[in-house]
Amino acid sequence: MFIEELDTGIAFKVFVQPKSSRNMVVGLHGDALKVKLTAPPVEGAANKMCIKFFSKILGVSKSSIAIASGQTSRTKRLRVHCGSGTEGQAEQVRIQGMLRKIAAS
């Protein structure tokens, strides 16, 4: 699966297709979620759009999402900070469920 549990959050892979007509998740690409973004791959525009898009669909703040690797690549590893303790674990479970649902559709 494309989701990795971390101490204070989760990480998952995305495969980005920039310059699309709409922002949308279109399924899986290997072990990554394939996402189409309207932003071009210049000056970090697609990276910013990727963070904004996933913050909206996962219901988390943009500041809690970071690109852990793949800044200049189409394949990126996103990290979502959920915090620690019981609330952080509940948030991890919620986000994992959402990602699995998105991947299945």
Protein backbone atom coordinates (compact mmCIF):
# COMPACT_ATOMS: atom_id res chain seq x y z
CA MET A 1 0.00 0.00 0.00
CA PHE A 2 1.10 3.58 -0.56
CA ILE A 3 0.47 4.78 3.03
CA GLU A 4 3.22 4.75 5.66
CA GLU A 5 2.55 5.39 9.34
CA LEU A 6 4.95 7.78 11.08
CA ASP A 7 5.29 8.72 14.75
CA THR A 8 3.36 11.97 14.36
CA GLY A 9 1.53 11.48 11.07
CA ILE A 10 1.49 9.61 7.81
CA ALA A 11 3.33 9.67 4.51
CA PHE A 12 2.10 8.63 1.09
CA LYS A 13 3.30 8.75 -2.51
CA VAL A 14 1.69 10.72 -5.28
CA PHE A 15 2.40 10.77 -9.00
CA VAL A 16 1.69 14.27 -10.33
CA GLN A 17 0.55 15.06 -13.86
CA PRO A 18 0.79 18.86 -14.22
CA LYS A 19 -1.01 21.16 -16.68
CA SER A 20 -4.28 19.24 -16.58
CA SER A 21 -7.69 20.74 -17.24
CA ARG A 22 -8.84 20.00 -13.65
CA ASN A 23 -7.43 19.08 -10.25
CA MET A 24 -8.38 15.47 -9.50
CA VAL A 25 -7.19 12.10 -8.29
CA VAL A 26 -7.46 9.61 -11.14
CA GLY A 27 -6.47 6.36 -9.42
CA LEU A 28 -3.24 4.54 -8.73
CA HIS A 29 0.08 4.70 -10.56
CA GLY A 30 2.11 1.80 -9.21
CA ASP A 31 2.22 2.32 -5.43
CA ALA A 32 1.29 6.02 -5.67
CA LEU A 33 -1.93 8.01 -6.02
CA LYS A 34 -2.05 9.57 -9.47
CA VAL A 35 -3.20 13.18 -9.31
CA LYS A 36 -3.81 15.65 -12.13
CA LEU A 37 -3.16 19.31 -11.33
CA THR A 38 -3.87 22.46 -13.32
CA ALA A 39 -0.62 24.14 -12.28
CA PRO A 40 2.44 23.99 -14.55
CA PRO A 41 5.65 22.36 -13.27
CA VAL A 42 7.55 25.65 -13.02
CA GLU A 43 8.81 27.60 -10.00
CA GLY A 44 7.16 25.19 -7.55
CA ALA A 45 3.64 25.96 -8.77
CA ALA A 46 2.67 22.29 -9.08
CA ASN A 47 4.12 21.55 -5.62
CA LYS A 48 2.08 24.36 -4.06
CA MET A 49 -1.05 23.21 -5.88
CA CYS A 50 -0.44 19.63 -4.75
CA ILE A 51 -0.28 20.70 -1.09
CA LYS A 52 -3.36 22.92 -1.47
CA PHE A 53 -5.33 20.17 -3.23
CA PHE A 54 -4.56 17.48 -0.65
CA SER A 55 -5.19 19.81 2.29
CA LYS A 56 -8.67 20.44 0.88
CA ILE A 57 -9.62 16.82 0.19
CA LEU A 58 -8.13 15.52 3.47
CA GLY A 59 -9.57 18.33 5.58
CA VAL A 60 -6.26 19.43 7.11
CA SER A 61 -4.37 22.72 7.06
CA LYS A 62 -1.83 23.40 4.31
CA SER A 63 0.84 23.85 6.96
CA SER A 64 0.39 20.26 8.14
CA ILE A 65 1.32 18.88 4.70
CA ALA A 66 4.88 18.88 3.39
CA ILE A 67 6.65 17.37 0.40
CA ALA A 68 9.16 15.05 2.08
CA SER A 69 10.85 14.04 -1.18
CA GLY A 70 10.47 14.55 -4.92
CA GLN A 71 10.47 18.36 -5.05
CA THR A 72 11.50 18.31 -8.73
CA SER A 73 10.09 14.90 -9.65
CA ARG A 74 6.63 13.80 -10.73
CA THR A 75 6.71 11.15 -7.99
CA LYS A 76 6.50 12.83 -4.61
CA ARG A 77 6.25 11.65 -1.03
CA LEU A 78 3.85 13.78 0.99
CA ARG A 79 3.95 13.87 4.77
CA VAL A 80 0.87 14.84 6.80
CA HIS A 81 1.54 15.91 10.38
CA CYS A 82 -1.24 14.66 12.68
CA GLY A 83 0.28 15.31 16.08
CA SER A 84 0.82 12.84 18.88
CA GLY A 85 -1.33 11.19 21.49
CA THR A 86 -4.85 9.89 21.16
CA GLU A 87 -6.06 12.79 18.99
CA GLY A 88 -3.12 12.37 16.60
CA GLN A 89 -3.78 8.65 16.27
CA ALA A 90 -7.46 9.28 15.55
CA GLU A 91 -6.47 11.81 12.87
CA GLN A 92 -4.07 9.26 11.33
CA VAL A 93 -6.83 6.66 11.14
CA ARG A 94 -9.25 9.19 9.60
CA ILE A 95 -6.78 10.29 6.93
CA GLN A 96 -5.72 6.72 6.10
CA GLY A 97 -9.37 5.80 5.61
CA MET A 98 -9.90 8.77 3.32
CA LEU A 99 -6.82 7.92 1.24
CA ARG A 100 -7.90 4.29 0.88
CA LYS A 101 -11.39 5.41 -0.17
CA ILE A 102 -9.94 7.82 -2.73
CA ALA A 103 -7.63 5.11 -4.12
CA ALA A 104 -10.50 2.63 -4.42
CA SER A 105 -12.74 4.98 -6.39
